[in-house]
């Protein structure tokens, strides 16, 4: 006799600086990360999410087709958490350089302490 498929439990997470939401879903084995995100309804809660092009990961490991398969190819395992990533607002390298320059200015006393 054939054993019926058992649903697995996964989570889908999205966060903004002021708000985060994690939804728990029951999905069929073989469900992909992209399918789970669509089933979660996150795009209804956060209209800025473009589900088909958003970067995603599983527990902070990118679904980039290199380290892990792409979201449409990654088959979820019980307990996986799909994270939907927001686009970066600033290039991390540039932001790091700006912070270092600001810190250097403070240490050398060249920082402006009040507006001119």
Protein backbone atom coordinates (compact mmCIF):
# COMPACT_ATOMS: atom_id res chain seq x y z
CA UNK A 1 0.00 0.00 0.00
CA UNK A 2 1.11 3.53 -0.76
CA UNK A 3 1.73 5.77 2.24
CA UNK A 4 -0.09 9.15 2.00
CA UNK A 5 2.07 12.26 1.83
CA UNK A 6 2.50 13.94 5.17
CA UNK A 7 2.51 17.72 5.29
CA UNK A 8 5.67 19.44 6.54
CA UNK A 9 5.87 22.60 8.61
CA UNK A 10 7.93 25.53 7.30
CA UNK A 11 8.11 29.25 8.01
CA UNK A 12 8.21 32.28 5.74
CA UNK A 13 9.75 35.46 7.19
CA UNK A 14 9.96 39.09 6.11
CA UNK A 15 11.20 42.06 8.10
CA UNK A 16 11.24 45.82 7.85
CA UNK A 17 13.20 47.98 10.32
CA UNK A 18 10.02 48.60 12.33
CA UNK A 19 8.11 45.36 11.74
CA UNK A 20 8.67 41.66 11.14
CA UNK A 21 6.31 38.86 10.28
CA UNK A 22 6.89 35.12 10.38
CA UNK A 23 4.17 32.84 9.05
CA UNK A 24 4.05 29.12 9.74
CA UNK A 25 2.72 26.99 6.90
CA UNK A 26 1.88 23.36 6.30
CA UNK A 27 3.04 22.37 2.82
CA UNK A 28 3.38 19.18 0.82
CA UNK A 29 6.83 17.61 0.52
CA UNK A 30 8.43 18.88 -2.68
CA UNK A 31 7.09 22.43 -2.19
CA UNK A 32 9.68 24.97 -3.31
CA UNK A 33 10.74 28.08 -1.43
CA UNK A 34 9.08 30.27 -4.07
CA UNK A 35 5.82 28.33 -3.83
CA UNK A 36 5.82 28.65 -0.03
CA UNK A 37 6.33 32.43 -0.25
CA UNK A 38 3.40 32.69 -2.65
CA UNK A 39 1.24 30.47 -0.42
CA UNK A 40 2.15 32.57 2.64
CA UNK A 41 0.43 35.69 1.31
CA UNK A 42 3.37 37.89 2.36
CA UNK A 43 2.95 39.99 -0.78
CA UNK A 44 -0.55 40.91 0.40
CA UNK A 45 0.81 41.99 3.80
CA UNK A 46 3.78 43.82 2.25
CA UNK A 47 2.87 45.04 -1.27
CA UNK A 48 6.45 46.21 -1.90
CA UNK A 49 7.57 42.57 -2.19
CA UNK A 50 7.98 41.39 -5.77
CA UNK A 51 7.79 37.68 -5.05
CA UNK A 52 9.14 36.61 -8.43
CA UNK A 53 12.32 38.69 -8.20
CA UNK A 54 12.93 39.09 -4.44
CA UNK A 55 16.14 37.63 -3.05
CA UNK A 56 15.46 34.76 -0.65
CA UNK A 57 17.38 32.50 1.65
CA UNK A 58 17.06 29.64 4.08
CA UNK A 59 18.36 30.54 7.55
CA UNK A 60 20.58 33.35 6.14
CA UNK A 61 22.00 31.20 3.32
CA UNK A 62 21.17 32.73 -0.05
CA UNK A 63 19.08 30.84 -2.55
CA UNK A 64 21.32 32.14 -5.31
CA UNK A 65 21.89 29.10 -7.49
CA UNK A 66 25.47 28.83 -6.21
CA UNK A 67 25.50 27.89 -2.54
CA UNK A 68 21.90 26.68 -2.61
CA UNK A 69 19.47 26.27 -5.54
CA UNK A 70 17.31 29.17 -6.71
CA UNK A 71 13.99 29.75 -4.84
CA UNK A 72 11.99 28.08 -7.61
CA UNK A 73 14.25 24.99 -7.42
CA UNK A 74 14.89 24.64 -3.68
CA UNK A 75 12.64 21.94 -2.19
CA UNK A 76 11.84 22.73 1.42
CA UNK A 77 12.57 20.41 4.31
CA UNK A 78 10.54 20.25 7.51
CA UNK A 79 11.53 23.15 9.76
CA UNK A 80 13.04 25.34 7.02
CA UNK A 81 12.51 29.09 7.28
CA UNK A 82 12.35 30.97 3.97
CA UNK A 83 13.57 34.54 4.43
CA UNK A 84 12.56 37.20 1.93
CA UNK A 85 15.28 39.84 1.68
CA UNK A 86 14.75 43.55 1.05
CA UNK A 87 16.94 45.27 -1.54
CA UNK A 88 19.93 47.11 -0.11
CA UNK A 89 19.46 50.86 0.25
CA UNK A 90 23.19 51.57 0.14
CA UNK A 91 26.22 49.73 -1.15
CA UNK A 92 27.72 48.06 1.96
CA UNK A 93 31.26 48.94 0.86
CA UNK A 94 30.41 52.65 0.48
CA UNK A 95 28.50 52.70 3.79
CA UNK A 96 31.48 51.11 5.58
CA UNK A 97 33.86 53.70 4.08
CA UNK A 98 31.56 56.54 5.19
CA UNK A 99 31.39 55.17 8.76
CA UNK A 100 35.19 54.81 8.87
CA UNK A 101 35.69 58.38 7.61
CA UNK A 102 33.23 59.72 10.18
CA UNK A 103 34.94 57.82 13.01
CA UNK A 104 38.36 59.07 11.87
CA UNK A 105 37.07 62.67 11.82
CA UNK A 106 35.74 62.30 15.36
CA UNK A 107 39.03 60.84 16.62
CA UNK A 108 41.13 63.59 15.02
CA UNK A 109 38.78 66.38 16.12
CA UNK A 110 37.83 67.36 12.59
CA UNK A 111 34.18 66.40 12.95
CA UNK A 112 31.60 69.15 12.79
CA UNK A 113 29.77 69.17 16.07
CA UNK A 114 27.18 71.78 15.13
CA UNK A 115 25.65 72.93 11.89
CA UNK A 116 27.07 76.01 10.22
